[in-house]
Amino acid sequence: MKRWQTFSIFEKVAVVLLAVGAMLGGILWMAMNAKASANRSQRATPAVVAPQRAAPIAPVAAAAPTRPSAPATSLKPALPAVLPATLPRACAEALRPTAIKDTAANTSVDAKTTVRMLAAMDLAIPVAGIEKAALYDSFSDVRGKRMHEAIDIHAPRGTPVIAAGAGCVVKLFRSVPGGITLYQYDLEGNFAYYYAHLDRYVDNMAEGTQLKRGDVIGYVGTTGNASPSAPHLHFAIYRLGPEKRWWVGTAVNPYAVFTYQ
């Protein structure tokens, strides 16, 4: 091998440059190898994601147990009246809240005078084929914690129920105690006639219908709290105040009206 001392200056420079290049190449190779190893390590190791705390779920309040409502002691519901926008003129006049038209609508009138005025209106017994002799006075009977304030007219299921007098249908109503019911005002708007426990209404019956005395409005049944084995019509008469609310009135004994002499 040729000694270093014998090299020319050009040869020495070339050897030094080769040595430096080799050293730099080695350093560069190690750096690249280290970077490649780091990249492989990052690909192989999954990123650790800090777990996110789930938002707490608000507890759902348990529904309060539904308590069945106690049967109403009165067959008259305390609900607002709902009437069709278009009414026959006679019905519209009878239903309009106004000053008292008749002394019978004044609560100061005694019961006997009211009965006499109703008797003069010649009301029909509201179940077809029933005579006065078949009626029973249950007006003052105690039902639950209240007076009955009506009479029960027994007849076979499906017997026609007829309008006691001329007037207007103001409310078709279904209730737990009364079942299928109908409220009618007389044409003067002084009295309300209440029919309950109907099996069904006559076809095409509607609120606002104008009635004549004796028109069929429905059929005897046992809907509501009536005994299934004792079909009958619960019939009541109420004297209205000037507000003319179908669910508010002073009860009048129908038996006294039908048997008045």
C-alpha atoms as a PDB file:
ATOM      1  CA  MET A   1       0.000   0.000   0.000  1.00  0.00           C
ATOM      2  CA  LYS A   2       1.330   3.388  -0.881  1.00  0.00           C
ATOM      3  CA  ARG A   3       2.546   5.417   2.114  1.00  0.00           C
ATOM      4  CA  TRP A   4       0.787   8.682   3.005  1.00  0.00           C
ATOM      5  CA  GLN A   5       4.056  10.627   2.769  1.00  0.00           C
ATOM      6  CA  THR A   6       4.491   9.645  -0.846  1.00  0.00           C
ATOM      7  CA  PHE A   7       1.036  10.936  -1.834  1.00  0.00           C
ATOM      8  CA  SER A   8       0.891  14.096  -3.808  1.00  0.00           C
ATOM      9  CA  ILE A   9      -1.152  16.980  -2.486  1.00  0.00           C
ATOM     10  CA  PHE A  10      -3.950  16.166  -4.896  1.00  0.00           C
ATOM     11  CA  GLU A  11      -4.094  12.566  -3.784  1.00  0.00           C
ATOM     12  CA  LYS A  12      -4.203  13.586  -0.105  1.00  0.00           C
ATOM     13  CA  VAL A  13      -7.103  16.006  -0.779  1.00  0.00           C
ATOM     14  CA  ALA A  14      -8.992  13.286  -2.651  1.00  0.00           C
ATOM     15  CA  VAL A  15      -8.508  10.765   0.180  1.00  0.00           C
ATOM     16  CA  VAL A  16      -9.706  13.296   2.803  1.00  0.00           C
ATOM     17  CA  LEU A  17     -12.768  14.153   0.721  1.00  0.00           C
ATOM     18  CA  LEU A  18     -13.616  10.468   0.288  1.00  0.00           C
ATOM     19  CA  ALA A  19     -13.270   9.876   4.019  1.00  0.00           C
ATOM     20  CA  VAL A  20     -15.417  12.866   4.879  1.00  0.00           C
ATOM     21  CA  GLY A  21     -18.043  11.807   2.292  1.00  0.00           C
ATOM     22  CA  ALA A  22     -18.135   8.281   3.675  1.00  0.00           C
ATOM     23  CA  MET A  23     -18.526   9.610   7.206  1.00  0.00           C
ATOM     24  CA  LEU A  24     -21.320  12.003   6.166  1.00  0.00           C
ATOM     25  CA  GLY A  25     -23.034   9.219   4.221  1.00  0.00           C
ATOM     26  CA  GLY A  26     -22.918   6.987   7.254  1.00  0.00           C
ATOM     27  CA  ILE A  27     -24.387   9.692   9.470  1.00  0.00           C
ATOM     28  CA  LEU A  28     -27.130  10.385   6.918  1.00  0.00           C
ATOM     29  CA  TRP A  29     -27.926   6.673   6.605  1.00  0.00           C
ATOM     30  CA  MET A  30     -28.249   6.275  10.379  1.00  0.00           C
ATOM     31  CA  ALA A  31     -30.502   9.332  10.571  1.00  0.00           C
ATOM     32  CA  MET A  32     -32.767   8.045   7.829  1.00  0.00           C
ATOM     33  CA  ASN A  33     -32.868   4.589   9.393  1.00  0.00           C
ATOM     34  CA  ALA A  34     -33.837   6.064  12.762  1.00  0.00           C
ATOM     35  CA  LYS A  35     -36.642   8.140  11.187  1.00  0.00           C
ATOM     36  CA  ALA A  36     -37.993   5.099   9.332  1.00  0.00           C
ATOM     37  CA  SER A  37     -38.000   3.104  12.560  1.00  0.00           C
ATOM     38  CA  ALA A  38     -39.875   5.875  14.315  1.00  0.00           C
ATOM     39  CA  ASN A  39     -42.516   5.967  11.541  1.00  0.00           C
ATOM     40  CA  ARG A  40     -42.990   2.205  11.725  1.00  0.00           C
ATOM     41  CA  SER A  41     -43.375   2.440  15.474  1.00  0.00           C
ATOM     42  CA  GLN A  42     -46.055   5.142  15.155  1.00  0.00           C
ATOM     43  CA  ARG A  43     -48.002   3.088  12.630  1.00  0.00           C
ATOM     44  CA  ALA A  44     -47.817  -0.043  14.742  1.00  0.00           C
ATOM     45  CA  THR A  45     -48.835   1.622  18.039  1.00  0.00           C
ATOM     46  CA  PRO A  46     -52.485   2.780  18.105  1.00  0.00           C
ATOM     47  CA  ALA A  47     -53.097   6.267  19.373  1.00  0.00           C
ATOM     48  CA  VAL A  48     -54.363   6.299  22.909  1.00  0.00           C
ATOM     49  CA  VAL A  49     -57.463   8.444  23.095  1.00  0.00           C
ATOM     50  CA  ALA A  50     -58.389   9.747  26.475  1.00  0.00           C
ATOM     51  CA  PRO A  51     -61.780   8.294  27.353  1.00  0.00           C
ATOM     52  CA  GLN A  52     -64.598  10.821  27.317  1.00  0.00           C
ATOM     53  CA  ARG A  53     -66.917  10.794  30.265  1.00  0.00           C
ATOM     54  CA  ALA A  54     -70.474  10.219  29.103  1.00  0.00           C
ATOM     55  CA  ALA A  55     -72.934  12.857  30.137  1.00  0.00           C
ATOM     56  CA  PRO A  56     -75.082  11.535  32.954  1.00  0.00           C
ATOM     57  CA  ILE A  57     -78.552  10.469  31.832  1.00  0.00           C
ATOM     58  CA  ALA A  58     -81.274  12.233  33.685  1.00  0.00           C
ATOM     59  CA  PRO A  59     -83.454   9.680  35.475  1.00  0.00           C
ATOM     60  CA  VAL A  60     -86.921   9.322  34.028  1.00  0.00           C
ATOM     61  CA  ALA A  61     -89.557  10.072  36.616  1.00  0.00           C
ATOM     62  CA  ALA A  62     -91.865   7.148  37.101  1.00  0.00           C
ATOM     63  CA  ALA A  63     -95.406   7.929  36.013  1.00  0.00           C
ATOM     64  CA  ALA A  64     -97.759   8.347  38.919  1.00  0.00           C
ATOM     65  CA  PRO A  65    -100.250   5.505  39.054  1.00  0.00           C
ATOM     66  CA  THR A  66    -103.566   6.458  37.565  1.00  0.00           C
ATOM     67  CA  ARG A  67    -106.304   6.347  40.128  1.00  0.00           C
ATOM     68  CA  PRO A  68    -109.695   5.625  38.653  1.00  0.00           C
ATOM     69  CA  SER A  69    -112.015   8.490  39.280  1.00  0.00           C
ATOM     70  CA  ALA A  70    -114.813   7.876  41.702  1.00  0.00           C
ATOM     71  CA  PRO A  71    -118.254   7.643  40.125  1.00  0.00           C
ATOM     72  CA  ALA A  72    -119.969  10.981  40.103  1.00  0.00           C
ATOM     73  CA  THR A  73    -122.848  11.242  42.513  1.00  0.00           C
ATOM     74  CA  SER A  74    -124.727  13.510  40.149  1.00  0.00           C
ATOM     75  CA  LEU A  75    -125.580  12.738  36.543  1.00  0.00           C
ATOM     76  CA  LYS A  76    -125.047  16.380  35.527  1.00  0.00           C
ATOM     77  CA  PRO A  77    -121.446  17.069  34.391  1.00  0.00           C
ATOM     78  CA  ALA A  78    -119.842  20.442  35.146  1.00  0.00           C
ATOM     79  CA  LEU A  79    -118.520  21.191  31.676  1.00  0.00           C
ATOM     80  CA  PRO A  80    -118.823  24.172  29.335  1.00  0.00           C
ATOM     81  CA  ALA A  81    -121.416  24.137  26.582  1.00  0.00           C
ATOM     82  CA  VAL A  82    -120.322  23.657  22.990  1.00  0.00           C
ATOM     83  CA  LEU A  83    -122.871  24.569  20.353  1.00  0.00           C
ATOM     84  CA  PRO A  84    -122.721  24.665  16.553  1.00  0.00           C
ATOM     85  CA  ALA A  85    -122.112  28.043  14.955  1.00  0.00           C
ATOM     86  CA  THR A  86    -125.316  27.821  12.890  1.00  0.00           C
ATOM     87  CA  LEU A  87    -128.596  27.230  14.712  1.00  0.00           C
ATOM     88  CA  PRO A  88    -132.249  27.447  13.762  1.00  0.00           C
ATOM     89  CA  ARG A  89    -133.506  30.907  14.651  1.00  0.00           C
ATOM     90  CA  ALA A  90    -135.851  29.639  17.353  1.00  0.00           C
ATOM     91  CA  CYS A  91    -133.010  27.701  18.971  1.00  0.00           C
ATOM     92  CA  ALA A  92    -130.632  30.626  18.767  1.00  0.00           C
ATOM     93  CA  GLU A  93    -133.159  32.795  20.592  1.00  0.00           C
ATOM     94  CA  ALA A  94    -133.716  30.175  23.280  1.00  0.00           C
ATOM     95  CA  LEU A  95    -129.993  29.688  23.878  1.00  0.00           C
ATOM     96  CA  ARG A  96    -128.910  33.329  23.958  1.00  0.00           C
ATOM     97  CA  PRO A  97    -128.015  34.477  27.499  1.00  0.00           C
ATOM     98  CA  THR A  98    -130.369  37.379  28.178  1.00  0.00           C
ATOM     99  CA  ALA A  99    -132.460  38.931  30.866  1.00  0.00           C
ATOM    100  CA  ILE A 100    -135.037  36.556  32.297  1.00  0.00           C
ATOM    101  CA  LYS A 101    -137.870  36.043  29.822  1.00  0.00           C
ATOM    102  CA  ASP A 102    -140.323  34.344  32.091  1.00  0.00           C
ATOM    103  CA  THR A 103    -141.068  34.307  35.798  1.00  0.00           C
ATOM    104  CA  ALA A 104    -140.516  30.544  35.748  1.00  0.00           C
ATOM    105  CA  ALA A 105    -136.844  31.183  35.104  1.00  0.00           C
ATOM    106  CA  ASN A 106    -136.563  33.292  38.239  1.00  0.00           C
ATOM    107  CA  THR A 107    -135.169  31.278  41.133  1.00  0.00           C
ATOM    108  CA  SER A 108    -137.420  33.219  43.501  1.00  0.00           C
ATOM    109  CA  VAL A 109    -140.479  31.430  42.058  1.00  0.00           C
ATOM    110  CA  ASP A 110    -141.565  28.644  44.381  1.00  0.00           C
ATOM    111  CA  ALA A 111    -141.543  25.010  43.290  1.00  0.00           C
ATOM    112  CA  LYS A 112    -145.339  24.687  43.170  1.00  0.00           C
ATOM    113  CA  THR A 113    -145.677  27.631  40.813  1.00  0.00           C
ATOM    114  CA  THR A 114    -142.949  26.206  38.584  1.00  0.00           C
ATOM    115  CA  VAL A 115    -144.661  22.805  38.486  1.00  0.00           C
ATOM    116  CA  ARG A 116    -147.969  24.454  37.589  1.00  0.00           C
ATOM    117  CA  MET A 117    -146.350  26.379  34.716  1.00  0.00           C
ATOM    118  CA  LEU A 118    -144.661  23.238  33.377  1.00  0.00           C
ATOM    119  CA  ALA A 119    -147.904  21.293  33.631  1.00  0.00           C
ATOM    120  CA  ALA A 120    -149.572  23.980  31.534  1.00  0.00           C
ATOM    121  CA  MET A 121    -146.978  23.257  28.797  1.00  0.00           C
ATOM    122  CA  ASP A 122    -148.546  19.764  28.408  1.00  0.00           C
ATOM    123  CA  LEU A 123    -145.234  17.878  28.417  1.00  0.00           C
ATOM    124  CA  ALA A 124    -145.227  14.319  27.069  1.00  0.00           C
ATOM    125  CA  ILE A 125    -143.975  11.428  29.162  1.00  0.00           C
ATOM    126  CA  PRO A 126    -140.648  10.966  27.328  1.00  0.00           C
ATOM    127  CA  VAL A 127    -140.832   7.191  26.807  1.00  0.00           C
ATOM    128  CA  ALA A 128    -143.194   5.937  24.117  1.00  0.00           C
ATOM    129  CA  GLY A 129    -146.156   3.947  25.404  1.00  0.00           C
ATOM    130  CA  ILE A 130    -145.702   4.790  29.096  1.00  0.00           C
ATOM    131  CA  GLU A 131    -148.778   6.024  30.975  1.00  0.00           C
ATOM    132  CA  LYS A 132    -148.882   8.175  34.102  1.00  0.00           C
ATOM    133  CA  ALA A 133    -149.919   5.194  36.215  1.00  0.00           C
ATOM    134  CA  ALA A 134    -146.599   3.494  35.474  1.00  0.00           C
ATOM    135  CA  LEU A 135    -144.522   6.410  36.830  1.00  0.00           C
ATOM    136  CA  TYR A 136    -142.818   6.285  40.205  1.00  0.00           C
ATOM    137  CA  ASP A 137    -141.718   9.336  42.204  1.00  0.00           C
ATOM    138  CA  SER A 138    -138.003   8.815  42.886  1.00  0.00           C
ATOM    139  CA  PHE A 139    -137.140  12.535  42.831  1.00  0.00           C
ATOM    140  CA  SER A 140    -136.293  12.674  46.545  1.00  0.00           C
ATOM    141  CA  ASP A 141    -134.558   9.286  46.718  1.00  0.00           C
ATOM    142  CA  VAL A 142    -130.974   9.370  47.970  1.00  0.00           C
ATOM    143  CA  ARG A 143    -128.418   8.141  45.436  1.00  0.00           C
ATOM    144  CA  GLY A 144    -124.953   8.065  46.951  1.00  0.00           C
ATOM    145  CA  LYS A 145    -124.612  11.327  48.850  1.00  0.00           C
ATOM    146  CA  ARG A 146    -127.166  13.320  46.876  1.00  0.00           C
ATOM    147  CA  MET A 147    -130.826  13.339  45.991  1.00  0.00           C
ATOM    148  CA  HIS A 148    -131.831  11.692  42.752  1.00  0.00           C
ATOM    149  CA  GLU A 149    -133.539  14.877  41.464  1.00  0.00           C
ATOM    150  CA  ALA A 150    -135.044  12.926  38.550  1.00  0.00           C
ATOM    151  CA  ILE A 151    -137.373  10.039  37.829  1.00  0.00           C
ATOM    152  CA  ASP A 152    -136.486   6.681  36.290  1.00  0.00           C
ATOM    153  CA  ILE A 153    -138.922   5.497  33.617  1.00  0.00           C
ATOM    154  CA  HIS A 154    -138.490   1.754  33.078  1.00  0.00           C
ATOM    155  CA  ALA A 155    -139.135   0.230  29.664  1.00  0.00           C
ATOM    156  CA  PRO A 156    -137.654  -2.501  27.470  1.00  0.00           C
ATOM    157  CA  ARG A 157    -134.312  -1.769  25.881  1.00  0.00           C
ATOM    158  CA  GLY A 158    -134.749  -0.024  22.546  1.00  0.00           C
ATOM    159  CA  THR A 159    -138.073   1.616  23.406  1.00  0.00           C
ATOM    160  CA  PRO A 160    -138.191   5.040  21.689  1.00  0.00           C
ATOM    161  CA  VAL A 161    -137.383   8.044  23.870  1.00  0.00           C
ATOM    162  CA  ILE A 162    -139.322  11.108  22.753  1.00  0.00           C
ATOM    163  CA  ALA A 163    -138.965  14.847  23.287  1.00  0.00           C
ATOM    164  CA  ALA A 164    -141.052  15.935  26.262  1.00  0.00           C
ATOM    165  CA  GLY A 165    -141.819  19.218  24.557  1.00  0.00           C
ATOM    166  CA  ALA A 166    -140.823  21.494  21.718  1.00  0.00           C
ATOM    167  CA  GLY A 167    -137.319  22.851  21.949  1.00  0.00           C
ATOM    168  CA  CYS A 168    -133.692  22.562  20.863  1.00  0.00           C
ATOM    169  CA  VAL A 169    -130.955  20.013  21.444  1.00  0.00           C
ATOM    170  CA  VAL A 170    -128.174  21.918  23.201  1.00  0.00           C
ATOM    171  CA  LYS A 171    -125.797  19.114  24.144  1.00  0.00           C
ATOM    172  CA  LEU A 172    -125.094  15.505  23.237  1.00  0.00           C
ATOM    173  CA  PHE A 173    -122.905  14.183  25.996  1.00  0.00           C
ATOM    174  CA  ARG A 174    -121.359  10.926  27.197  1.00  0.00           C
ATOM    175  CA  SER A 175    -120.441  10.589  30.855  1.00  0.00           C
ATOM    176  CA  VAL A 176    -119.496   7.833  33.287  1.00  0.00           C
ATOM    177  CA  PRO A 177    -122.680   8.073  35.379  1.00  0.00           C
ATOM    178  CA  GLY A 178    -125.188   9.124  32.704  1.00  0.00           C
ATOM    179  CA  GLY A 179    -123.809   7.200  29.749  1.00  0.00           C
ATOM    180  CA  ILE A 180    -125.291   8.480  26.496  1.00  0.00           C
ATOM    181  CA  THR A 181    -127.187  11.654  27.365  1.00  0.00           C
ATOM    182  CA  LEU A 182    -129.047  14.517  25.699  1.00  0.00           C
ATOM    183  CA  TYR A 183    -129.857  18.017  26.956  1.00  0.00           C
ATOM    184  CA  GLN A 184    -132.792  19.940  25.460  1.00  0.00           C
ATOM    185  CA  TYR A 185    -134.028  23.477  26.117  1.00  0.00           C
ATOM    186  CA  ASP A 186    -137.630  24.526  25.688  1.00  0.00           C
ATOM    187  CA  LEU A 187    -138.111  27.214  23.039  1.00  0.00           C
ATOM    188  CA  GLU A 188    -138.357  29.955  25.652  1.00  0.00           C
ATOM    189  CA  GLY A 189    -134.985  29.017  27.103  1.00  0.00           C
ATOM    190  CA  ASN A 190    -136.458  28.713  30.602  1.00  0.00           C
ATOM    191  CA  PHE A 191    -136.129  24.965  31.187  1.00  0.00           C
ATOM    192  CA  ALA A 192    -133.716  22.158  30.346  1.00  0.00           C
ATOM    193  CA  TYR A 193    -134.868  18.558  29.844  1.00  0.00           C
ATOM    194  CA  TYR A 194    -132.235  15.917  30.533  1.00  0.00           C
ATOM    195  CA  TYR A 195    -132.359  12.375  29.112  1.00  0.00           C
ATOM    196  CA  ALA A 196    -129.767   9.822  30.340  1.00  0.00           C
ATOM    197  CA  HIS A 197    -128.799   6.118  30.028  1.00  0.00           C
ATOM    198  CA  LEU A 198    -129.808   6.104  26.357  1.00  0.00           C
ATOM    199  CA  ASP A 199    -128.916   3.013  24.356  1.00  0.00           C
ATOM    200  CA  ARG A 200    -128.198   5.282  21.374  1.00  0.00           C
ATOM    201  CA  TYR A 201    -129.371   8.465  19.682  1.00  0.00           C
ATOM    202  CA  VAL A 202    -131.786   8.449  16.802  1.00  0.00           C
ATOM    203  CA  ASP A 203    -129.993   8.646  13.447  1.00  0.00           C
ATOM    204  CA  ASN A 204    -128.757  12.099  12.431  1.00  0.00           C
ATOM    205  CA  MET A 205    -129.266  13.576  15.898  1.00  0.00           C
ATOM    206  CA  ALA A 206    -127.059  16.637  16.353  1.00  0.00           C
ATOM    207  CA  GLU A 207    -126.607  19.603  18.648  1.00  0.00           C
ATOM    208  CA  GLY A 208    -128.766  22.485  17.465  1.00  0.00           C
ATOM    209  CA  THR A 209    -131.562  20.222  16.189  1.00  0.00           C
ATOM    210  CA  GLN A 210    -134.999  21.769  16.675  1.00  0.00           C
ATOM    211  CA  LEU A 211    -137.506  19.336  18.169  1.00  0.00           C
ATOM    212  CA  LYS A 212    -141.277  19.051  18.278  1.00  0.00           C
ATOM    213  CA  ARG A 213    -143.120  17.443  21.152  1.00  0.00           C
ATOM    214  CA  GLY A 214    -143.044  13.676  20.623  1.00  0.00           C
ATOM    215  CA  ASP A 215    -140.059  13.579  18.219  1.00  0.00           C
ATOM    216  CA  VAL A 216    -137.935  10.457  18.744  1.00  0.00           C
ATOM    217  CA  ILE A 217    -134.511  11.462  20.072  1.00  0.00           C
ATOM    218  CA  GLY A 218    -133.065   8.087  21.099  1.00  0.00           C
ATOM    219  CA  TYR A 219    -133.780   4.729  22.681  1.00  0.00           C
ATOM    220  CA  VAL A 220    -133.999   3.354  26.230  1.00  0.00           C
ATOM    221  CA  GLY A 221    -130.812   1.663  27.393  1.00  0.00           C
ATOM    222  CA  THR A 222    -128.455   1.016  30.289  1.00  0.00           C
ATOM    223  CA  THR A 223    -125.382   3.070  29.437  1.00  0.00           C
ATOM    224  CA  GLY A 224    -123.473   4.775  32.235  1.00  0.00           C
ATOM    225  CA  ASN A 225    -123.939   3.439  35.759  1.00  0.00           C
ATOM    226  CA  ALA A 226    -127.378   1.940  35.116  1.00  0.00           C
ATOM    227  CA  SER A 227    -127.840  -1.734  35.913  1.00  0.00           C
ATOM    228  CA  PRO A 228    -127.543  -3.820  32.717  1.00  0.00           C
ATOM    229  CA  SER A 229    -130.615  -5.758  33.794  1.00  0.00           C
ATOM    230  CA  ALA A 230    -132.814  -2.687  34.329  1.00  0.00           C
ATOM    231  CA  PRO A 231    -133.075  -0.557  31.178  1.00  0.00           C
ATOM    232  CA  HIS A 232    -134.697   2.786  31.893  1.00  0.00           C
ATOM    233  CA  LEU A 233    -134.673   6.478  31.071  1.00  0.00           C
ATOM    234  CA  HIS A 234    -133.322   8.867  33.696  1.00  0.00           C
ATOM    235  CA  PHE A 235    -135.349  12.027  33.075  1.00  0.00           C
ATOM    236  CA  ALA A 236    -134.817  15.365  34.802  1.00  0.00           C
ATOM    237  CA  ILE A 237    -136.082  18.920  34.421  1.00  0.00           C
ATOM    238  CA  TYR A 238    -134.010  21.961  35.418  1.00  0.00           C
ATOM    239  CA  ARG A 239    -135.084  25.560  35.690  1.00  0.00           C
ATOM    240  CA  LEU A 240    -132.417  27.703  33.990  1.00  0.00           C
ATOM    241  CA  GLY A 241    -131.048  31.034  35.065  1.00  0.00           C
ATOM    242  CA  PRO A 242    -130.476  33.931  32.668  1.00  0.00           C
ATOM    243  CA  GLU A 243    -126.994  32.583  31.812  1.00  0.00           C
ATOM    244  CA  LYS A 244    -128.647  29.501  30.262  1.00  0.00           C
ATOM    245  CA  ARG A 245    -125.974  26.974  31.135  1.00  0.00           C
ATOM    246  CA  TRP A 246    -127.078  23.453  30.393  1.00  0.00           C
ATOM    247  CA  TRP A 247    -125.034  22.052  33.260  1.00  0.00           C
ATOM    248  CA  VAL A 248    -126.468  24.462  35.886  1.00  0.00           C
ATOM    249  CA  GLY A 249    -130.070  24.719  37.040  1.00  0.00           C
ATOM    250  CA  THR A 250    -132.630  24.182  39.763  1.00  0.00           C
ATOM    251  CA  ALA A 251    -134.153  20.709  39.695  1.00  0.00           C
ATOM    252  CA  VAL A 252    -137.932  20.388  39.280  1.00  0.00           C
ATOM    253  CA  ASN A 253    -139.763  17.151  40.052  1.00  0.00           C
ATOM    254  CA  PRO A 254    -140.931  15.628  36.728  1.00  0.00           C
ATOM    255  CA  TYR A 255    -143.336  13.298  38.532  1.00  0.00           C
ATOM    256  CA  ALA A 256    -145.142  16.302  40.007  1.00  0.00           C
ATOM    257  CA  VAL A 257    -145.359  17.854  36.544  1.00  0.00           C
ATOM    258  CA  PHE A 258    -146.739  14.735  34.812  1.00  0.00           C
ATOM    259  CA  THR A 259    -149.284  14.001  37.548  1.00  0.00           C
ATOM    260  CA  TYR A 260    -150.367  17.592  38.220  1.00  0.00           C
ATOM    261  CA  GLN A 261    -154.119  18.062  38.523  1.00  0.00           C
END
